[in-house]
Amino acid sequence: QVQLVESGGGLVQVGGSLRLSCAASGSILGIDKMGWYRQAPGKQRELVATITGTGGTNYVDSVKGRFTISRDSAKNTVYLQMNSLKAEDTAVYYCYTMIRFFGAREYWGKGTLVTVSL
């Protein structure tokens, strides 16, 4: 079993910043890509940012230049620094990881709510 525990969500005003954290534990031998997805009310879940085991990053266009993903491999933790937040960033943010060990499996956290108020 793999557990992903997110923290850092909350309420912030437009233009503010938040930092999300996600710690992976359990059967994480072979942990590879980690990242964040989000789901706004009435919308489908979308990729926000991912980071590979070698540090390669990928961002959705709408957050480029504002969000930064990073990871501490020793702690199996991924972070998402979110700056210049906009109302449209309001969503539940889900931590994600892919484990490559005799195949590839994806795991998701339970989500943390980010609300950006006007």
C-alpha atoms as a PDB file:
ATOM      1  CA  GLN A   1       0.000   0.000   0.000  1.00  0.00           C
ATOM      2  CA  VAL A   2       1.055   3.551  -0.737  1.00  0.00           C
ATOM      3  CA  GLN A   3      -0.126   6.526   1.275  1.00  0.00           C
ATOM      4  CA  LEU A   4       0.028  10.106   0.036  1.00  0.00           C
ATOM      5  CA  VAL A   5      -0.701  12.766   2.619  1.00  0.00           C
ATOM      6  CA  GLU A   6      -1.202  16.325   1.425  1.00  0.00           C
ATOM      7  CA  SER A   7      -1.005  19.475   3.488  1.00  0.00           C
ATOM      8  CA  GLY A   8      -0.865  23.221   2.980  1.00  0.00           C
ATOM      9  CA  GLY A   9      -4.203  24.020   1.409  1.00  0.00           C
ATOM     10  CA  GLY A  10      -6.406  26.814   2.640  1.00  0.00           C
ATOM     11  CA  LEU A  11      -7.927  30.192   1.909  1.00  0.00           C
ATOM     12  CA  VAL A  12      -5.853  32.947   0.350  1.00  0.00           C
ATOM     13  CA  GLN A  13      -6.595  36.204  -1.406  1.00  0.00           C
ATOM     14  CA  VAL A  14      -5.943  36.854  -5.065  1.00  0.00           C
ATOM     15  CA  GLY A  15      -2.253  37.542  -5.561  1.00  0.00           C
ATOM     16  CA  GLY A  16      -1.264  35.571  -2.498  1.00  0.00           C
ATOM     17  CA  SER A  17       0.860  32.450  -2.108  1.00  0.00           C
ATOM     18  CA  LEU A  18       0.500  28.951  -0.716  1.00  0.00           C
ATOM     19  CA  ARG A  19       2.819  25.971  -0.507  1.00  0.00           C
ATOM     20  CA  LEU A  20       1.440  22.468  -0.784  1.00  0.00           C
ATOM     21  CA  SER A  21       3.302  19.436   0.496  1.00  0.00           C
ATOM     22  CA  CYS A  22       2.750  15.741  -0.090  1.00  0.00           C
ATOM     23  CA  ALA A  23       4.596  12.961   1.694  1.00  0.00           C
ATOM     24  CA  ALA A  24       4.596   9.439   0.284  1.00  0.00           C
ATOM     25  CA  SER A  25       4.950   6.409   2.525  1.00  0.00           C
ATOM     26  CA  GLY A  26       4.386   2.671   2.512  1.00  0.00           C
ATOM     27  CA  SER A  27       5.422   0.438  -0.400  1.00  0.00           C
ATOM     28  CA  ILE A  28       7.241   3.140  -2.342  1.00  0.00           C
ATOM     29  CA  LEU A  29      10.187   1.162  -3.688  1.00  0.00           C
ATOM     30  CA  GLY A  30      10.527   2.322  -7.284  1.00  0.00           C
ATOM     31  CA  ILE A  31       8.857   5.688  -6.735  1.00  0.00           C
ATOM     32  CA  ASP A  32       9.246   7.668  -9.932  1.00  0.00           C
ATOM     33  CA  LYS A  33       7.129  10.597 -11.083  1.00  0.00           C
ATOM     34  CA  MET A  34       5.351  12.750  -8.498  1.00  0.00           C
ATOM     35  CA  GLY A  35       3.065  15.654  -9.073  1.00  0.00           C
ATOM     36  CA  TRP A  36      -0.138  17.564  -8.567  1.00  0.00           C
ATOM     37  CA  TYR A  37      -3.483  17.529 -10.289  1.00  0.00           C
ATOM     38  CA  ARG A  38      -6.485  19.697  -9.481  1.00  0.00           C
ATOM     39  CA  GLN A  39     -10.226  19.597  -9.913  1.00  0.00           C
ATOM     40  CA  ALA A  40     -12.370  22.702  -9.815  1.00  0.00           C
ATOM     41  CA  PRO A  41     -16.125  22.516  -9.194  1.00  0.00           C
ATOM     42  CA  GLY A  42     -17.905  21.251 -12.272  1.00  0.00           C
ATOM     43  CA  LYS A  43     -14.689  20.577 -14.159  1.00  0.00           C
ATOM     44  CA  GLN A  44     -12.552  17.565 -14.937  1.00  0.00           C
ATOM     45  CA  ARG A  45      -9.360  16.835 -13.075  1.00  0.00           C
ATOM     46  CA  GLU A  46      -6.370  18.405 -14.799  1.00  0.00           C
ATOM     47  CA  LEU A  47      -2.625  18.110 -14.515  1.00  0.00           C
ATOM     48  CA  VAL A  48      -0.962  21.024 -12.739  1.00  0.00           C
ATOM     49  CA  ALA A  49       2.673  19.955 -12.549  1.00  0.00           C
ATOM     50  CA  THR A  50       4.810  16.841 -12.398  1.00  0.00           C
ATOM     51  CA  ILE A  51       8.426  16.121 -11.567  1.00  0.00           C
ATOM     52  CA  THR A  52      10.376  12.987 -12.448  1.00  0.00           C
ATOM     53  CA  GLY A  53      12.905  11.164 -10.315  1.00  0.00           C
ATOM     54  CA  THR A  54      15.680  12.943 -12.193  1.00  0.00           C
ATOM     55  CA  GLY A  55      14.130  16.396 -11.699  1.00  0.00           C
ATOM     56  CA  GLY A  56      12.441  16.933 -15.030  1.00  0.00           C
ATOM     57  CA  THR A  57       9.362  19.122 -14.673  1.00  0.00           C
ATOM     58  CA  ASN A  58       6.174  19.694 -16.608  1.00  0.00           C
ATOM     59  CA  TYR A  59       3.516  22.368 -16.043  1.00  0.00           C
ATOM     60  CA  VAL A  60       0.116  23.178 -17.430  1.00  0.00           C
ATOM     61  CA  ASP A  61       0.345  26.440 -19.372  1.00  0.00           C
ATOM     62  CA  SER A  62      -1.970  28.321 -17.017  1.00  0.00           C
ATOM     63  CA  VAL A  63       0.442  28.036 -14.076  1.00  0.00           C
ATOM     64  CA  LYS A  64       3.782  28.498 -15.820  1.00  0.00           C
ATOM     65  CA  GLY A  65       5.760  31.302 -14.232  1.00  0.00           C
ATOM     66  CA  ARG A  66       3.587  31.247 -11.098  1.00  0.00           C
ATOM     67  CA  PHE A  67       3.882  27.721  -9.691  1.00  0.00           C
ATOM     68  CA  THR A  68       7.039  25.763  -8.936  1.00  0.00           C
ATOM     69  CA  ILE A  69       7.176  22.042  -8.253  1.00  0.00           C
ATOM     70  CA  SER A  70      10.043  20.479  -6.345  1.00  0.00           C
ATOM     71  CA  ARG A  71      10.792  17.286  -4.474  1.00  0.00           C
ATOM     72  CA  ASP A  72      12.921  16.002  -1.649  1.00  0.00           C
ATOM     73  CA  SER A  73      13.716  12.451  -2.714  1.00  0.00           C
ATOM     74  CA  ALA A  74      15.238  11.596   0.666  1.00  0.00           C
ATOM     75  CA  LYS A  75      11.893  12.398   2.285  1.00  0.00           C
ATOM     76  CA  ASN A  76       9.730  11.135  -0.617  1.00  0.00           C
ATOM     77  CA  THR A  77       7.988  14.477  -0.524  1.00  0.00           C
ATOM     78  CA  VAL A  78       6.817  16.722  -3.323  1.00  0.00           C
ATOM     79  CA  TYR A  79       6.040  20.419  -2.981  1.00  0.00           C
ATOM     80  CA  LEU A  80       4.067  22.925  -4.996  1.00  0.00           C
ATOM     81  CA  GLN A  81       4.862  26.570  -4.420  1.00  0.00           C
ATOM     82  CA  MET A  82       1.977  28.635  -5.742  1.00  0.00           C
ATOM     83  CA  ASN A  83       2.476  32.367  -6.204  1.00  0.00           C
ATOM     84  CA  SER A  84       0.342  35.092  -7.745  1.00  0.00           C
ATOM     85  CA  LEU A  85      -2.741  32.995  -7.154  1.00  0.00           C
ATOM     86  CA  LYS A  86      -5.837  33.690  -9.189  1.00  0.00           C
ATOM     87  CA  ALA A  87      -9.483  32.977  -8.468  1.00  0.00           C
ATOM     88  CA  GLU A  88      -9.421  30.341 -11.201  1.00  0.00           C
ATOM     89  CA  ASP A  89      -6.799  28.401  -9.244  1.00  0.00           C
ATOM     90  CA  THR A  90      -9.515  27.498  -6.739  1.00  0.00           C
ATOM     91  CA  ALA A  91      -9.781  23.709  -6.716  1.00  0.00           C
ATOM     92  CA  VAL A  92      -9.084  20.559  -4.799  1.00  0.00           C
ATOM     93  CA  TYR A  93      -5.440  19.703  -5.373  1.00  0.00           C
ATOM     94  CA  TYR A  94      -4.487  16.028  -5.491  1.00  0.00           C
ATOM     95  CA  CYS A  95      -1.039  14.603  -4.996  1.00  0.00           C
ATOM     96  CA  TYR A  96       0.000  11.937  -7.474  1.00  0.00           C
ATOM     97  CA  THR A  97       2.789   9.435  -7.776  1.00  0.00           C
ATOM     98  CA  MET A  98       3.806   6.649 -10.103  1.00  0.00           C
ATOM     99  CA  ILE A  99       5.596   3.608  -8.719  1.00  0.00           C
ATOM    100  CA  ARG A 100       7.670   1.547 -11.165  1.00  0.00           C
ATOM    101  CA  PHE A 101       8.280  -1.875  -9.602  1.00  0.00           C
ATOM    102  CA  PHE A 102       7.360  -4.914 -11.652  1.00  0.00           C
ATOM    103  CA  GLY A 103       5.127  -2.650 -13.675  1.00  0.00           C
ATOM    104  CA  ALA A 104       3.777   0.851 -13.177  1.00  0.00           C
ATOM    105  CA  ARG A 105       1.018   1.913 -10.793  1.00  0.00           C
ATOM    106  CA  GLU A 106      -0.477   5.288 -10.047  1.00  0.00           C
ATOM    107  CA  TYR A 107      -1.557   6.502  -6.636  1.00  0.00           C
ATOM    108  CA  TRP A 108      -3.531   9.529  -5.491  1.00  0.00           C
ATOM    109  CA  GLY A 109      -3.890  11.457  -2.277  1.00  0.00           C
ATOM    110  CA  LYS A 110      -7.262  12.446  -0.851  1.00  0.00           C
ATOM    111  CA  GLY A 111      -6.862  16.057  -1.891  1.00  0.00           C
ATOM    112  CA  THR A 112      -6.484  19.421  -0.224  1.00  0.00           C
ATOM    113  CA  LEU A 113      -8.732  22.393  -0.937  1.00  0.00           C
ATOM    114  CA  VAL A 114      -7.256  25.647  -2.185  1.00  0.00           C
ATOM    115  CA  THR A 115      -9.634  28.592  -2.235  1.00  0.00           C
ATOM    116  CA  VAL A 116      -8.546  31.896  -3.760  1.00  0.00           C
ATOM    117  CA  SER A 117     -10.869  34.752  -2.859  1.00  0.00           C
ATOM    118  CA  LEU A 118     -11.340  38.052  -4.618  1.00  0.00           C
END
